[in-house]
Amino acid sequence: MKPYQDKISIKAWAEEDRPREKLRAQRRRALTDAELIAILIVSGGRTETAVELSKRQRYYPDS
């Protein structure tokens, strides 16, 4: 079986799951550290969302 390769951009997420909208609606305590960092990063890349990038940098800062 071929592994799932396509990444879903944050724009395709449900509005209540998007970090910036979640921050506005529920305040900062509802967000994970990765989501807060993703808001600061602003955008991801072709292969990962800003949330995935922030998780990777948080747990593997030298990568």
C-alpha atoms as a PDB file:
ATOM      1  CA  MET A   1       0.000   0.000   0.000  1.00  0.00           C
ATOM      2  CA  LYS A   2       1.319   3.444  -0.944  1.00  0.00           C
ATOM      3  CA  PRO A   3       1.663   5.872   2.022  1.00  0.00           C
ATOM      4  CA  TYR A   4      -0.501   8.991   2.020  1.00  0.00           C
ATOM      5  CA  GLN A   5       1.648  11.762   0.516  1.00  0.00           C
ATOM      6  CA  ASP A   6      -0.734  14.667  -0.061  1.00  0.00           C
ATOM      7  CA  LYS A   7      -0.731  17.355   2.596  1.00  0.00           C
ATOM      8  CA  ILE A   8      -3.916  19.246   3.374  1.00  0.00           C
ATOM      9  CA  SER A   9      -3.301  22.962   3.661  1.00  0.00           C
ATOM     10  CA  ILE A  10      -4.621  24.837   6.665  1.00  0.00           C
ATOM     11  CA  LYS A  11      -6.985  26.701   4.324  1.00  0.00           C
ATOM     12  CA  ALA A  12      -8.724  23.356   3.678  1.00  0.00           C
ATOM     13  CA  TRP A  13      -9.216  22.689   7.408  1.00  0.00           C
ATOM     14  CA  ALA A  14     -12.556  23.356   9.059  1.00  0.00           C
ATOM     15  CA  GLU A  15     -12.653  27.001  10.088  1.00  0.00           C
ATOM     16  CA  GLU A  16     -12.906  26.178  13.805  1.00  0.00           C
ATOM     17  CA  ASP A  17      -9.710  24.080  13.555  1.00  0.00           C
ATOM     18  CA  ARG A  18      -7.525  26.753  11.937  1.00  0.00           C
ATOM     19  CA  PRO A  19      -5.070  28.226  14.453  1.00  0.00           C
ATOM     20  CA  ARG A  20      -5.781  31.912  13.775  1.00  0.00           C
ATOM     21  CA  GLU A  21      -9.564  31.475  13.854  1.00  0.00           C
ATOM     22  CA  LYS A  22      -9.319  29.257  16.919  1.00  0.00           C
ATOM     23  CA  LEU A  23      -7.304  31.972  18.669  1.00  0.00           C
ATOM     24  CA  ARG A  24      -9.956  34.599  17.897  1.00  0.00           C
ATOM     25  CA  ALA A  25     -12.851  32.405  18.992  1.00  0.00           C
ATOM     26  CA  GLN A  26     -11.433  30.553  22.000  1.00  0.00           C
ATOM     27  CA  ARG A  27      -8.381  32.568  23.091  1.00  0.00           C
ATOM     28  CA  ARG A  28      -4.832  31.308  23.487  1.00  0.00           C
ATOM     29  CA  ARG A  29      -5.453  28.596  26.091  1.00  0.00           C
ATOM     30  CA  ALA A  30      -7.353  26.535  23.495  1.00  0.00           C
ATOM     31  CA  LEU A  31      -4.302  26.333  21.206  1.00  0.00           C
ATOM     32  CA  THR A  32      -1.367  23.965  21.399  1.00  0.00           C
ATOM     33  CA  ASP A  33       2.164  25.347  21.490  1.00  0.00           C
ATOM     34  CA  ALA A  34       2.599  24.208  17.880  1.00  0.00           C
ATOM     35  CA  GLU A  35      -0.511  26.145  16.801  1.00  0.00           C
ATOM     36  CA  LEU A  36       0.699  29.320  18.546  1.00  0.00           C
ATOM     37  CA  ILE A  37       4.112  29.020  16.879  1.00  0.00           C
ATOM     38  CA  ALA A  38       2.404  28.344  13.534  1.00  0.00           C
ATOM     39  CA  ILE A  39       0.623  31.698  13.834  1.00  0.00           C
ATOM     40  CA  LEU A  40       4.006  33.384  14.247  1.00  0.00           C
ATOM     41  CA  ILE A  41       5.533  31.434  11.341  1.00  0.00           C
ATOM     42  CA  VAL A  42       2.571  32.521   9.146  1.00  0.00           C
ATOM     43  CA  SER A  43       2.989  29.931   6.368  1.00  0.00           C
ATOM     44  CA  GLY A  44       4.373  26.479   5.779  1.00  0.00           C
ATOM     45  CA  GLY A  45       5.945  25.032   2.695  1.00  0.00           C
ATOM     46  CA  ARG A  46       4.979  22.764  -0.153  1.00  0.00           C
ATOM     47  CA  THR A  47       5.396  19.633   1.921  1.00  0.00           C
ATOM     48  CA  GLU A  48       4.154  20.738   5.343  1.00  0.00           C
ATOM     49  CA  THR A  49       1.775  23.171   6.979  1.00  0.00           C
ATOM     50  CA  ALA A  50       2.912  25.867   9.391  1.00  0.00           C
ATOM     51  CA  VAL A  51       1.623  23.693  12.246  1.00  0.00           C
ATOM     52  CA  GLU A  52       3.675  20.690  11.075  1.00  0.00           C
ATOM     53  CA  LEU A  53       6.740  22.894  10.620  1.00  0.00           C
ATOM     54  CA  SER A  54       6.379  24.320  14.121  1.00  0.00           C
ATOM     55  CA  LYS A  55       6.002  20.822  15.604  1.00  0.00           C
ATOM     56  CA  ARG A  56       9.131  19.680  13.800  1.00  0.00           C
ATOM     57  CA  GLN A  57      11.128  22.722  14.945  1.00  0.00           C
ATOM     58  CA  ARG A  58       9.881  22.418  18.488  1.00  0.00           C
ATOM     59  CA  TYR A  59      10.835  18.766  18.899  1.00  0.00           C
ATOM     60  CA  TYR A  60      13.803  18.628  16.502  1.00  0.00           C
ATOM     61  CA  PRO A  61      15.323  22.147  16.519  1.00  0.00           C
ATOM     62  CA  ASP A  62      18.500  21.125  14.662  1.00  0.00           C
ATOM     63  CA  SER A  63      16.668  19.644  11.660  1.00  0.00           C
END
